[in-house]
Amino acid sequence: MTTTLLRRTLLGAALLAPLVATAADKPLVMGFSQVGAESEWRSANTASVKAAARQAGITLKFADAQQKQENQVKAIRTFIAQKVDVIAFSPVVESGWDTVLKEARAARIPVVLTDRAVNVSDPSLYVSFIGSDFVEEGRKAGRWLLERAAKNPGASLNIVELQGTVGSAPAIDRKKGFEEVIKANPKLQVIRSQSGEFTRAKGKEVMEAFLKAKDKKIDVLYAHNDDMAIGAIQAIEEAGLKPGKDITIISIDGVKGAFQAMLAGKLNVTIECNPLLGPQLMELARKVVAGQPVEKRITVIEGVFPAEVAAKELPNRKY
């Protein structure tokens, strides 16, 4: 090799080196579409994702869908246009995702589901799901009620149910799991079931309607999340009844507000649903973008907290 050619080769390598280093140092970019801010749980989930992205050095493009699927679809298409490295989202509802997820696949952008699952024609449209087992949460609620009912085996119990957002995975699955378990005791009957949209305001409104019906005594309230239960507690008190005593209340999530309600004797049990998914999501995203194998479903471990343990557990709650 001539001296001139050698100099040119070394110069070219020197110029290329910073570009290679820059590409290697470029932070991973994640597009994340959140359901909204409808509850304490959701706010804690969002905070966990944002904090974990900062700590992991991942650039997060965040979009709040405000409980609307069309907003979420628009956000995902924006992420595709921005050529992010990975898309993660917590779907508002289960169905209606095939088209936009096919667009993401065509753009070679992997998709991760968080907290809520989807019902699609081709499961390969998303790489992995990380979150809770909502059916099992419903079963846990049902088992707790079965055990309580067993203490008075001759009694019939009329149950009203506050469902989550219509068509959402937790609403569908928590209803399914609960019904699956309580059918073992024919004296436990769900007499009314309606969506409270996972919010305190709607939970209160629907519970007021349940109480005004007065055709059957309400013995138990099963709420698909703590926020609806807390709203319902207000309606029960305004009706001159004692929540937690006149009406047994079961809810799901395990937020601080639920533990405070249990300490006040107004809520009987909450089933945990852990929102702090951020660190696991960031770890999963890195593996997915690197092409490493990941599990199709990653389920978090969660517990059951009856009122008897509320005082001990409240100081440990991080959300």
C-alpha atoms as a PDB file:
ATOM      1  CA  MET A   1       0.000   0.000   0.000  1.00  0.00           C
ATOM      2  CA  THR A   2       1.426   3.454  -0.961  1.00  0.00           C
ATOM      3  CA  THR A   3       1.971   6.129   1.678  1.00  0.00           C
ATOM      4  CA  THR A   4      -0.755   8.316   0.134  1.00  0.00           C
ATOM      5  CA  LEU A   5      -3.279   5.436   0.092  1.00  0.00           C
ATOM      6  CA  LEU A   6      -2.410   4.522   3.687  1.00  0.00           C
ATOM      7  CA  ARG A   7      -2.972   8.112   4.796  1.00  0.00           C
ATOM      8  CA  ARG A   8      -6.364   8.184   3.039  1.00  0.00           C
ATOM      9  CA  THR A   9      -7.385   4.875   4.660  1.00  0.00           C
ATOM     10  CA  LEU A  10      -6.414   6.069   8.128  1.00  0.00           C
ATOM     11  CA  LEU A  11      -8.174   9.391   7.560  1.00  0.00           C
ATOM     12  CA  GLY A  12     -11.346   7.613   6.441  1.00  0.00           C
ATOM     13  CA  ALA A  13     -11.263   5.377   9.507  1.00  0.00           C
ATOM     14  CA  ALA A  14     -10.763   8.377  11.753  1.00  0.00           C
ATOM     15  CA  LEU A  15     -13.762  10.152  10.230  1.00  0.00           C
ATOM     16  CA  LEU A  16     -15.946   7.024  10.449  1.00  0.00           C
ATOM     17  CA  ALA A  17     -15.104   6.254  14.097  1.00  0.00           C
ATOM     18  CA  PRO A  18     -17.148   9.114  15.615  1.00  0.00           C
ATOM     19  CA  LEU A  19     -20.149   8.117  13.478  1.00  0.00           C
ATOM     20  CA  VAL A  20     -19.969   4.507  14.683  1.00  0.00           C
ATOM     21  CA  ALA A  21     -19.602   5.668  18.287  1.00  0.00           C
ATOM     22  CA  THR A  22     -22.552   8.043  17.893  1.00  0.00           C
ATOM     23  CA  ALA A  23     -24.746   5.245  16.512  1.00  0.00           C
ATOM     24  CA  ALA A  24     -23.724   2.954  19.367  1.00  0.00           C
ATOM     25  CA  ASP A  25     -24.363   5.657  21.967  1.00  0.00           C
ATOM     26  CA  LYS A  26     -27.715   6.665  20.503  1.00  0.00           C
ATOM     27  CA  PRO A  27     -30.391   6.132  23.186  1.00  0.00           C
ATOM     28  CA  LEU A  28     -33.181   3.673  22.552  1.00  0.00           C
ATOM     29  CA  VAL A  29     -36.410   5.499  21.696  1.00  0.00           C
ATOM     30  CA  MET A  30     -39.733   4.148  22.995  1.00  0.00           C
ATOM     31  CA  GLY A  31     -43.170   5.355  21.998  1.00  0.00           C
ATOM     32  CA  PHE A  32     -45.573   4.743  24.895  1.00  0.00           C
ATOM     33  CA  SER A  33     -49.346   5.206  24.706  1.00  0.00           C
ATOM     34  CA  GLN A  34     -51.111   5.256  28.075  1.00  0.00           C
ATOM     35  CA  VAL A  35     -54.831   4.647  28.596  1.00  0.00           C
ATOM     36  CA  GLY A  36     -55.324   7.869  30.521  1.00  0.00           C
ATOM     37  CA  ALA A  37     -55.245   9.111  34.121  1.00  0.00           C
ATOM     38  CA  GLU A  38     -58.520   7.650  35.358  1.00  0.00           C
ATOM     39  CA  SER A  39     -57.325   6.299  38.707  1.00  0.00           C
ATOM     40  CA  GLU A  40     -54.641   6.285  41.397  1.00  0.00           C
ATOM     41  CA  TRP A  41     -53.400   3.031  39.867  1.00  0.00           C
ATOM     42  CA  ARG A  42     -52.999   4.541  36.398  1.00  0.00           C
ATOM     43  CA  SER A  43     -51.167   7.590  37.727  1.00  0.00           C
ATOM     44  CA  ALA A  44     -48.751   5.323  39.602  1.00  0.00           C
ATOM     45  CA  ASN A  45     -48.250   3.231  36.459  1.00  0.00           C
ATOM     46  CA  THR A  46     -47.416   6.313  34.371  1.00  0.00           C
ATOM     47  CA  ALA A  47     -44.993   7.604  37.007  1.00  0.00           C
ATOM     48  CA  SER A  48     -43.255   4.224  37.111  1.00  0.00           C
ATOM     49  CA  VAL A  49     -42.819   4.099  33.319  1.00  0.00           C
ATOM     50  CA  LYS A  50     -41.470   7.659  33.099  1.00  0.00           C
ATOM     51  CA  ALA A  51     -39.060   7.233  36.014  1.00  0.00           C
ATOM     52  CA  ALA A  52     -37.785   3.889  34.723  1.00  0.00           C
ATOM     53  CA  ALA A  53     -37.173   5.329  31.240  1.00  0.00           C
ATOM     54  CA  ARG A  54     -35.106   8.177  32.717  1.00  0.00           C
ATOM     55  CA  GLN A  55     -33.099   5.786  34.861  1.00  0.00           C
ATOM     56  CA  ALA A  56     -32.480   3.439  31.925  1.00  0.00           C
ATOM     57  CA  GLY A  57     -31.435   6.253  29.605  1.00  0.00           C
ATOM     58  CA  ILE A  58     -34.309   5.504  27.238  1.00  0.00           C
ATOM     59  CA  THR A  59     -35.917   8.375  25.329  1.00  0.00           C
ATOM     60  CA  LEU A  60     -39.658   8.164  25.998  1.00  0.00           C
ATOM     61  CA  LYS A  61     -42.274   9.643  23.680  1.00  0.00           C
ATOM     62  CA  PHE A  62     -45.396   9.624  25.861  1.00  0.00           C
ATOM     63  CA  ALA A  63     -49.018   9.949  24.698  1.00  0.00           C
ATOM     64  CA  ASP A  64     -52.145  10.035  26.905  1.00  0.00           C
ATOM     65  CA  ALA A  65     -55.117   8.460  25.090  1.00  0.00           C
ATOM     66  CA  GLN A  66     -57.662   9.979  27.510  1.00  0.00           C
ATOM     67  CA  GLN A  67     -59.646   6.724  27.498  1.00  0.00           C
ATOM     68  CA  LYS A  68     -60.206   6.809  23.721  1.00  0.00           C
ATOM     69  CA  GLN A  69     -59.057   4.101  21.353  1.00  0.00           C
ATOM     70  CA  GLU A  70     -58.926   6.486  18.392  1.00  0.00           C
ATOM     71  CA  ASN A  71     -56.399   8.625  20.271  1.00  0.00           C
ATOM     72  CA  GLN A  72     -54.289   5.562  20.923  1.00  0.00           C
ATOM     73  CA  VAL A  73     -54.344   4.442  17.291  1.00  0.00           C
ATOM     74  CA  LYS A  74     -53.316   7.953  16.239  1.00  0.00           C
ATOM     75  CA  ALA A  75     -50.452   7.932  18.744  1.00  0.00           C
ATOM     76  CA  ILE A  76     -49.168   4.578  17.505  1.00  0.00           C
ATOM     77  CA  ARG A  77     -49.214   5.835  13.911  1.00  0.00           C
ATOM     78  CA  THR A  78     -47.281   8.920  15.034  1.00  0.00           C
ATOM     79  CA  PHE A  79     -44.676   6.679  16.689  1.00  0.00           C
ATOM     80  CA  ILE A  80     -44.389   4.705  13.440  1.00  0.00           C
ATOM     81  CA  ALA A  81     -43.866   7.916  11.462  1.00  0.00           C
ATOM     82  CA  GLN A  82     -41.205   8.991  13.993  1.00  0.00           C
ATOM     83  CA  LYS A  83     -39.423   5.651  13.485  1.00  0.00           C
ATOM     84  CA  VAL A  84     -39.115   4.858  17.187  1.00  0.00           C
ATOM     85  CA  ASP A  85     -37.214   1.702  18.159  1.00  0.00           C
ATOM     86  CA  VAL A  86     -40.062   0.073  20.056  1.00  0.00           C
ATOM     87  CA  ILE A  87     -43.729   0.802  20.767  1.00  0.00           C
ATOM     88  CA  ALA A  88     -45.364  -0.031  24.112  1.00  0.00           C
ATOM     89  CA  PHE A  89     -48.977   0.632  25.014  1.00  0.00           C
ATOM     90  CA  SER A  90     -51.698  -0.218  27.463  1.00  0.00           C
ATOM     91  CA  PRO A  91     -54.752  -0.739  25.229  1.00  0.00           C
ATOM     92  CA  VAL A  92     -57.999   1.017  26.113  1.00  0.00           C
ATOM     93  CA  VAL A  93     -60.016  -1.986  24.873  1.00  0.00           C
ATOM     94  CA  GLU A  94     -59.156  -5.503  23.686  1.00  0.00           C
ATOM     95  CA  SER A  95     -60.340  -5.461  20.069  1.00  0.00           C
ATOM     96  CA  GLY A  96     -59.743  -3.320  16.999  1.00  0.00           C
ATOM     97  CA  TRP A  97     -55.933  -3.351  16.858  1.00  0.00           C
ATOM     98  CA  ASP A  98     -55.093  -5.560  13.861  1.00  0.00           C
ATOM     99  CA  THR A  99     -54.732  -2.784  11.287  1.00  0.00           C
ATOM    100  CA  VAL A 100     -52.436  -0.461  13.226  1.00  0.00           C
ATOM    101  CA  LEU A 101     -50.316  -3.314  14.590  1.00  0.00           C
ATOM    102  CA  LYS A 102     -49.824  -4.597  11.038  1.00  0.00           C
ATOM    103  CA  GLU A 103     -48.612  -1.105  10.148  1.00  0.00           C
ATOM    104  CA  ALA A 104     -46.071  -1.292  12.973  1.00  0.00           C
ATOM    105  CA  ARG A 105     -44.900  -4.700  11.802  1.00  0.00           C
ATOM    106  CA  ALA A 106     -44.551  -3.434   8.234  1.00  0.00           C
ATOM    107  CA  ALA A 107     -42.334  -0.664   9.623  1.00  0.00           C
ATOM    108  CA  ARG A 108     -40.334  -3.315  11.521  1.00  0.00           C
ATOM    109  CA  ILE A 109     -41.080  -1.730  14.878  1.00  0.00           C
ATOM    110  CA  PRO A 110     -41.687  -4.297  17.658  1.00  0.00           C
ATOM    111  CA  VAL A 111     -44.720  -3.807  19.901  1.00  0.00           C
ATOM    112  CA  VAL A 112     -44.976  -4.623  23.612  1.00  0.00           C
ATOM    113  CA  LEU A 113     -48.262  -4.666  25.543  1.00  0.00           C
ATOM    114  CA  THR A 114     -48.321  -3.425  29.126  1.00  0.00           C
ATOM    115  CA  ASP A 115     -51.000  -3.996  31.771  1.00  0.00           C
ATOM    116  CA  ARG A 116     -53.767  -4.910  29.299  1.00  0.00           C
ATOM    117  CA  ALA A 117     -53.929  -7.526  26.563  1.00  0.00           C
ATOM    118  CA  VAL A 118     -55.440  -7.402  23.060  1.00  0.00           C
ATOM    119  CA  ASN A 119     -57.533  -9.770  20.990  1.00  0.00           C
ATOM    120  CA  VAL A 120     -55.929  -9.932  17.534  1.00  0.00           C
ATOM    121  CA  SER A 121     -56.109 -12.351  14.605  1.00  0.00           C
ATOM    122  CA  ASP A 122     -52.351 -12.913  14.701  1.00  0.00           C
ATOM    123  CA  PRO A 123     -50.590 -13.010  18.106  1.00  0.00           C
ATOM    124  CA  SER A 124     -47.250 -12.345  16.393  1.00  0.00           C
ATOM    125  CA  LEU A 125     -48.398  -8.723  15.883  1.00  0.00           C
ATOM    126  CA  TYR A 126     -46.984  -8.048  19.340  1.00  0.00           C
ATOM    127  CA  VAL A 127     -43.808  -9.448  20.850  1.00  0.00           C
ATOM    128  CA  SER A 128     -44.707  -9.730  24.514  1.00  0.00           C
ATOM    129  CA  PHE A 129     -47.222  -8.782  27.200  1.00  0.00           C
ATOM    130  CA  ILE A 130     -46.208  -7.683  30.683  1.00  0.00           C
ATOM    131  CA  GLY A 131     -48.825  -7.245  33.377  1.00  0.00           C
ATOM    132  CA  SER A 132     -51.286  -8.876  35.721  1.00  0.00           C
ATOM    133  CA  ASP A 133     -53.486 -11.940  35.354  1.00  0.00           C
ATOM    134  CA  PHE A 134     -56.880 -10.218  35.513  1.00  0.00           C
ATOM    135  CA  VAL A 135     -58.843 -13.482  35.484  1.00  0.00           C
ATOM    136  CA  GLU A 136     -56.898 -14.641  38.519  1.00  0.00           C
ATOM    137  CA  GLU A 137     -57.604 -11.312  40.248  1.00  0.00           C
ATOM    138  CA  GLY A 138     -61.321 -11.944  39.734  1.00  0.00           C
ATOM    139  CA  ARG A 139     -60.892 -15.473  41.082  1.00  0.00           C
ATOM    140  CA  LYS A 140     -59.127 -14.150  44.186  1.00  0.00           C
ATOM    141  CA  ALA A 141     -62.047 -11.792  44.826  1.00  0.00           C
ATOM    142  CA  GLY A 142     -64.476 -14.676  44.381  1.00  0.00           C
ATOM    143  CA  ARG A 143     -62.523 -16.995  46.698  1.00  0.00           C
ATOM    144  CA  TRP A 144     -62.446 -14.370  49.440  1.00  0.00           C
ATOM    145  CA  LEU A 145     -66.236 -14.012  49.206  1.00  0.00           C
ATOM    146  CA  LEU A 146     -66.773 -17.789  49.187  1.00  0.00           C
ATOM    147  CA  GLU A 147     -64.746 -18.111  52.395  1.00  0.00           C
ATOM    148  CA  ARG A 148     -66.698 -15.289  54.025  1.00  0.00           C
ATOM    149  CA  ALA A 149     -70.047 -16.769  52.923  1.00  0.00           C
ATOM    150  CA  ALA A 150     -69.030 -20.175  54.311  1.00  0.00           C
ATOM    151  CA  LYS A 151     -69.173 -18.704  57.827  1.00  0.00           C
ATOM    152  CA  ASN A 152     -72.935 -18.338  57.367  1.00  0.00           C
ATOM    153  CA  PRO A 153     -73.758 -21.205  54.966  1.00  0.00           C
ATOM    154  CA  GLY A 154     -77.544 -20.743  54.932  1.00  0.00           C
ATOM    155  CA  ALA A 155     -77.477 -17.088  53.879  1.00  0.00           C
ATOM    156  CA  SER A 156     -78.179 -15.810  50.385  1.00  0.00           C
ATOM    157  CA  LEU A 157     -76.086 -12.870  49.218  1.00  0.00           C
ATOM    158  CA  ASN A 158     -77.134 -10.347  46.571  1.00  0.00           C
ATOM    159  CA  ILE A 159     -74.115  -8.907  44.766  1.00  0.00           C
ATOM    160  CA  VAL A 160     -73.863  -5.755  42.663  1.00  0.00           C
ATOM    161  CA  GLU A 161     -70.896  -5.356  40.347  1.00  0.00           C
ATOM    162  CA  LEU A 162     -69.128  -2.215  39.172  1.00  0.00           C
ATOM    163  CA  GLN A 163     -67.377  -3.195  35.968  1.00  0.00           C
ATOM    164  CA  GLY A 164     -64.422  -1.388  34.419  1.00  0.00           C
ATOM    165  CA  THR A 165     -64.351   0.220  30.978  1.00  0.00           C
ATOM    166  CA  VAL A 166     -66.595  -1.700  28.566  1.00  0.00           C
ATOM    167  CA  GLY A 167     -64.521  -3.943  26.299  1.00  0.00           C
ATOM    168  CA  SER A 168     -61.299  -3.563  28.289  1.00  0.00           C
ATOM    169  CA  ALA A 169     -59.266  -6.625  29.257  1.00  0.00           C
ATOM    170  CA  PRO A 170     -59.477  -6.087  33.038  1.00  0.00           C
ATOM    171  CA  ALA A 171     -63.245  -5.555  32.928  1.00  0.00           C
ATOM    172  CA  ILE A 172     -63.811  -8.704  30.868  1.00  0.00           C
ATOM    173  CA  ASP A 173     -61.377 -10.878  32.808  1.00  0.00           C
ATOM    174  CA  ARG A 174     -62.159  -9.707  36.335  1.00  0.00           C
ATOM    175  CA  LYS A 175     -65.840 -10.411  35.705  1.00  0.00           C
ATOM    176  CA  LYS A 176     -65.036 -13.813  34.221  1.00  0.00           C
ATOM    177  CA  GLY A 177     -62.776 -14.911  37.079  1.00  0.00           C
ATOM    178  CA  PHE A 178     -65.194 -13.784  39.788  1.00  0.00           C
ATOM    179  CA  GLU A 179     -68.183 -15.519  38.209  1.00  0.00           C
ATOM    180  CA  GLU A 180     -66.164 -18.681  37.622  1.00  0.00           C
ATOM    181  CA  VAL A 181     -65.502 -19.023  41.361  1.00  0.00           C
ATOM    182  CA  ILE A 182     -68.772 -17.878  42.972  1.00  0.00           C
ATOM    183  CA  LYS A 183     -70.872 -20.296  40.904  1.00  0.00           C
ATOM    184  CA  ALA A 184     -69.719 -22.930  43.405  1.00  0.00           C
ATOM    185  CA  ASN A 185     -72.245 -21.382  45.813  1.00  0.00           C
ATOM    186  CA  PRO A 186     -75.693 -20.902  44.213  1.00  0.00           C
ATOM    187  CA  LYS A 187     -76.706 -18.621  47.095  1.00  0.00           C
ATOM    188  CA  LEU A 188     -74.311 -15.958  45.752  1.00  0.00           C
ATOM    189  CA  GLN A 189     -76.079 -14.062  42.979  1.00  0.00           C
ATOM    190  CA  VAL A 190     -74.979 -11.029  40.951  1.00  0.00           C
ATOM    191  CA  ILE A 191     -78.240  -9.059  40.710  1.00  0.00           C
ATOM    192  CA  ARG A 192     -76.862  -6.017  38.862  1.00  0.00           C
ATOM    193  CA  SER A 193     -73.724  -5.336  36.858  1.00  0.00           C
ATOM    194  CA  GLN A 194     -72.805  -2.085  35.125  1.00  0.00           C
ATOM    195  CA  SER A 195     -69.697  -0.202  34.023  1.00  0.00           C
ATOM    196  CA  GLY A 196     -68.331   2.472  36.318  1.00  0.00           C
ATOM    197  CA  GLU A 197     -65.579   3.240  33.782  1.00  0.00           C
ATOM    198  CA  PHE A 198     -62.853   2.735  36.413  1.00  0.00           C
ATOM    199  CA  THR A 199     -63.494   6.237  37.862  1.00  0.00           C
ATOM    200  CA  ARG A 200     -64.659   7.411  41.288  1.00  0.00           C
ATOM    201  CA  ALA A 201     -67.283   9.750  39.857  1.00  0.00           C
ATOM    202  CA  LYS A 202     -68.903   7.076  37.680  1.00  0.00           C
ATOM    203  CA  GLY A 203     -68.590   4.477  40.431  1.00  0.00           C
ATOM    204  CA  LYS A 204     -70.542   6.771  42.744  1.00  0.00           C
ATOM    205  CA  GLU A 205     -73.149   7.505  40.080  1.00  0.00           C
ATOM    206  CA  VAL A 206     -73.801   3.842  39.232  1.00  0.00           C
ATOM    207  CA  MET A 207     -73.879   2.815  42.886  1.00  0.00           C
ATOM    208  CA  GLU A 208     -76.499   5.510  43.543  1.00  0.00           C
ATOM    209  CA  ALA A 209     -78.643   3.948  40.802  1.00  0.00           C
ATOM    210  CA  PHE A 210     -78.171   0.464  42.304  1.00  0.00           C
ATOM    211  CA  LEU A 211     -79.264   1.720  45.721  1.00  0.00           C
ATOM    212  CA  LYS A 212     -82.312   3.556  44.384  1.00  0.00           C
ATOM    213  CA  ALA A 213     -83.684   0.392  42.743  1.00  0.00           C
ATOM    214  CA  LYS A 214     -84.564  -1.053  46.205  1.00  0.00           C
ATOM    215  CA  ASP A 215     -86.238  -4.152  44.730  1.00  0.00           C
ATOM    216  CA  LYS A 216     -83.597  -6.350  46.372  1.00  0.00           C
ATOM    217  CA  LYS A 217     -81.348  -5.784  49.351  1.00  0.00           C
ATOM    218  CA  ILE A 218     -77.699  -5.330  48.385  1.00  0.00           C
ATOM    219  CA  ASP A 219     -75.349  -7.439  50.515  1.00  0.00           C
ATOM    220  CA  VAL A 220     -72.088  -7.223  48.559  1.00  0.00           C
ATOM    221  CA  LEU A 221     -70.399  -4.790  46.181  1.00  0.00           C
ATOM    222  CA  TYR A 222     -67.716  -6.157  43.865  1.00  0.00           C
ATOM    223  CA  ALA A 223     -65.835  -3.294  42.196  1.00  0.00           C
ATOM    224  CA  HIS A 224     -63.301  -3.887  39.419  1.00  0.00           C
ATOM    225  CA  ASN A 225     -61.018  -1.225  40.901  1.00  0.00           C
ATOM    226  CA  ASP A 226     -60.475   0.712  44.115  1.00  0.00           C
ATOM    227  CA  ASP A 227     -61.411   4.089  42.667  1.00  0.00           C
ATOM    228  CA  MET A 228     -64.920   2.922  41.757  1.00  0.00           C
ATOM    229  CA  ALA A 229     -65.235   1.316  45.190  1.00  0.00           C
ATOM    230  CA  ILE A 230     -64.242   4.577  46.894  1.00  0.00           C
ATOM    231  CA  GLY A 231     -66.822   6.465  44.832  1.00  0.00           C
ATOM    232  CA  ALA A 232     -69.434   3.839  45.719  1.00  0.00           C
ATOM    233  CA  ILE A 233     -68.585   4.172  49.417  1.00  0.00           C
ATOM    234  CA  GLN A 234     -69.614   7.808  49.247  1.00  0.00           C
ATOM    235  CA  ALA A 235     -72.931   6.857  47.622  1.00  0.00           C
ATOM    236  CA  ILE A 236     -73.570   4.201  50.272  1.00  0.00           C
ATOM    237  CA  GLU A 237     -72.930   6.677  53.099  1.00  0.00           C
ATOM    238  CA  GLU A 238     -75.168   9.283  51.500  1.00  0.00           C
ATOM    239  CA  ALA A 239     -77.915   6.646  51.407  1.00  0.00           C
ATOM    240  CA  GLY A 240     -77.628   6.309  55.188  1.00  0.00           C
ATOM    241  CA  LEU A 241     -75.872   2.936  55.144  1.00  0.00           C
ATOM    242  CA  LYS A 242     -72.516   1.829  56.545  1.00  0.00           C
ATOM    243  CA  PRO A 243     -70.060   0.657  53.873  1.00  0.00           C
ATOM    244  CA  GLY A 244     -68.049  -2.357  54.973  1.00  0.00           C
ATOM    245  CA  LYS A 245     -70.792  -3.363  57.424  1.00  0.00           C
ATOM    246  CA  ASP A 246     -74.240  -3.046  55.840  1.00  0.00           C
ATOM    247  CA  ILE A 247     -72.666  -3.798  52.463  1.00  0.00           C
ATOM    248  CA  THR A 248     -69.510  -5.897  52.164  1.00  0.00           C
ATOM    249  CA  ILE A 249     -67.122  -4.275  49.694  1.00  0.00           C
ATOM    250  CA  ILE A 250     -64.539  -6.093  47.572  1.00  0.00           C
ATOM    251  CA  SER A 251     -62.288  -4.221  45.146  1.00  0.00           C
ATOM    252  CA  ILE A 252     -59.135  -4.606  43.079  1.00  0.00           C
ATOM    253  CA  ASP A 253     -55.854  -2.661  42.737  1.00  0.00           C
ATOM    254  CA  GLY A 254     -54.427  -2.207  46.229  1.00  0.00           C
ATOM    255  CA  VAL A 255     -53.814   1.556  46.103  1.00  0.00           C
ATOM    256  CA  LYS A 256     -53.205   3.603  49.263  1.00  0.00           C
ATOM    257  CA  GLY A 257     -56.751   4.962  49.126  1.00  0.00           C
ATOM    258  CA  ALA A 258     -58.107   1.426  49.488  1.00  0.00           C
ATOM    259  CA  PHE A 259     -55.940   0.759  52.547  1.00  0.00           C
ATOM    260  CA  GLN A 260     -57.094   4.018  54.105  1.00  0.00           C
ATOM    261  CA  ALA A 261     -60.718   3.005  53.458  1.00  0.00           C
ATOM    262  CA  MET A 262     -60.057  -0.367  55.119  1.00  0.00           C
ATOM    263  CA  LEU A 263     -58.524   1.347  58.140  1.00  0.00           C
ATOM    264  CA  ALA A 264     -61.711   3.425  58.376  1.00  0.00           C
ATOM    265  CA  GLY A 265     -63.784   0.223  58.297  1.00  0.00           C
ATOM    266  CA  LYS A 266     -65.403   1.107  54.967  1.00  0.00           C
ATOM    267  CA  LEU A 267     -63.773  -1.488  52.667  1.00  0.00           C
ATOM    268  CA  ASN A 268     -63.386  -5.179  53.426  1.00  0.00           C
ATOM    269  CA  VAL A 269     -60.703  -6.407  51.039  1.00  0.00           C
ATOM    270  CA  THR A 270     -58.605  -5.282  48.064  1.00  0.00           C
ATOM    271  CA  ILE A 271     -56.923  -7.580  45.555  1.00  0.00           C
ATOM    272  CA  GLU A 272     -53.498  -6.333  44.509  1.00  0.00           C
ATOM    273  CA  CYS A 273     -52.756  -5.274  40.926  1.00  0.00           C
ATOM    274  CA  ASN A 274     -49.195  -3.936  40.761  1.00  0.00           C
ATOM    275  CA  PRO A 275     -48.794  -0.806  38.584  1.00  0.00           C
ATOM    276  CA  LEU A 276     -45.024  -0.455  39.031  1.00  0.00           C
ATOM    277  CA  LEU A 277     -44.158  -2.078  35.709  1.00  0.00           C
ATOM    278  CA  GLY A 278     -41.664   0.533  34.499  1.00  0.00           C
ATOM    279  CA  PRO A 279     -38.340  -1.183  35.325  1.00  0.00           C
ATOM    280  CA  GLN A 280     -39.464  -4.535  33.887  1.00  0.00           C
ATOM    281  CA  LEU A 281     -40.802  -2.797  30.770  1.00  0.00           C
ATOM    282  CA  MET A 282     -37.499  -1.023  30.083  1.00  0.00           C
ATOM    283  CA  GLU A 283     -35.542  -4.239  30.545  1.00  0.00           C
ATOM    284  CA  LEU A 284     -37.943  -6.030  28.210  1.00  0.00           C
ATOM    285  CA  ALA A 285     -37.703  -3.263  25.591  1.00  0.00           C
ATOM    286  CA  ARG A 286     -33.912  -3.485  25.486  1.00  0.00           C
ATOM    287  CA  LYS A 287     -34.050  -7.239  24.953  1.00  0.00           C
ATOM    288  CA  VAL A 288     -36.690  -6.929  22.236  1.00  0.00           C
ATOM    289  CA  VAL A 289     -34.759  -4.266  20.296  1.00  0.00           C
ATOM    290  CA  ALA A 290     -31.570  -6.331  20.632  1.00  0.00           C
ATOM    291  CA  GLY A 291     -33.378  -9.313  19.123  1.00  0.00           C
ATOM    292  CA  GLN A 292     -33.043 -11.427  22.257  1.00  0.00           C
ATOM    293  CA  PRO A 293     -35.678 -14.079  23.020  1.00  0.00           C
ATOM    294  CA  VAL A 294     -38.396 -12.992  25.493  1.00  0.00           C
ATOM    295  CA  GLU A 295     -41.421 -14.674  27.031  1.00  0.00           C
ATOM    296  CA  LYS A 296     -44.741 -14.041  25.306  1.00  0.00           C
ATOM    297  CA  ARG A 297     -46.457 -13.329  28.633  1.00  0.00           C
ATOM    298  CA  ILE A 298     -44.773 -11.960  31.754  1.00  0.00           C
ATOM    299  CA  THR A 299     -47.068 -11.991  34.796  1.00  0.00           C
ATOM    300  CA  VAL A 300     -46.369 -10.097  38.009  1.00  0.00           C
ATOM    301  CA  ILE A 301     -46.885 -11.683  41.442  1.00  0.00           C
ATOM    302  CA  GLU A 302     -49.638 -10.094  43.542  1.00  0.00           C
ATOM    303  CA  GLY A 303     -51.418 -10.632  46.854  1.00  0.00           C
ATOM    304  CA  VAL A 304     -54.760 -10.311  48.648  1.00  0.00           C
ATOM    305  CA  PHE A 305     -55.141  -7.737  51.437  1.00  0.00           C
ATOM    306  CA  PRO A 306     -58.149  -7.994  53.771  1.00  0.00           C
ATOM    307  CA  ALA A 307     -58.974  -5.173  56.178  1.00  0.00           C
ATOM    308  CA  GLU A 308     -57.321  -7.056  59.041  1.00  0.00           C
ATOM    309  CA  VAL A 309     -53.836  -6.406  57.600  1.00  0.00           C
ATOM    310  CA  ALA A 310     -54.407  -2.823  56.396  1.00  0.00           C
ATOM    311  CA  ALA A 311     -52.685  -1.102  59.330  1.00  0.00           C
ATOM    312  CA  LYS A 312     -49.569  -3.241  58.927  1.00  0.00           C
ATOM    313  CA  GLU A 313     -49.409  -2.993  55.121  1.00  0.00           C
ATOM    314  CA  LEU A 314     -50.279   0.680  54.499  1.00  0.00           C
ATOM    315  CA  PRO A 315     -46.747   1.966  55.327  1.00  0.00           C
ATOM    316  CA  ASN A 316     -45.360  -0.442  52.703  1.00  0.00           C
ATOM    317  CA  ARG A 317     -47.530   0.803  49.841  1.00  0.00           C
ATOM    318  CA  LYS A 318     -45.634   2.690  47.143  1.00  0.00           C
ATOM    319  CA  TYR A 319     -48.743   3.794  45.237  1.00  0.00           C
END
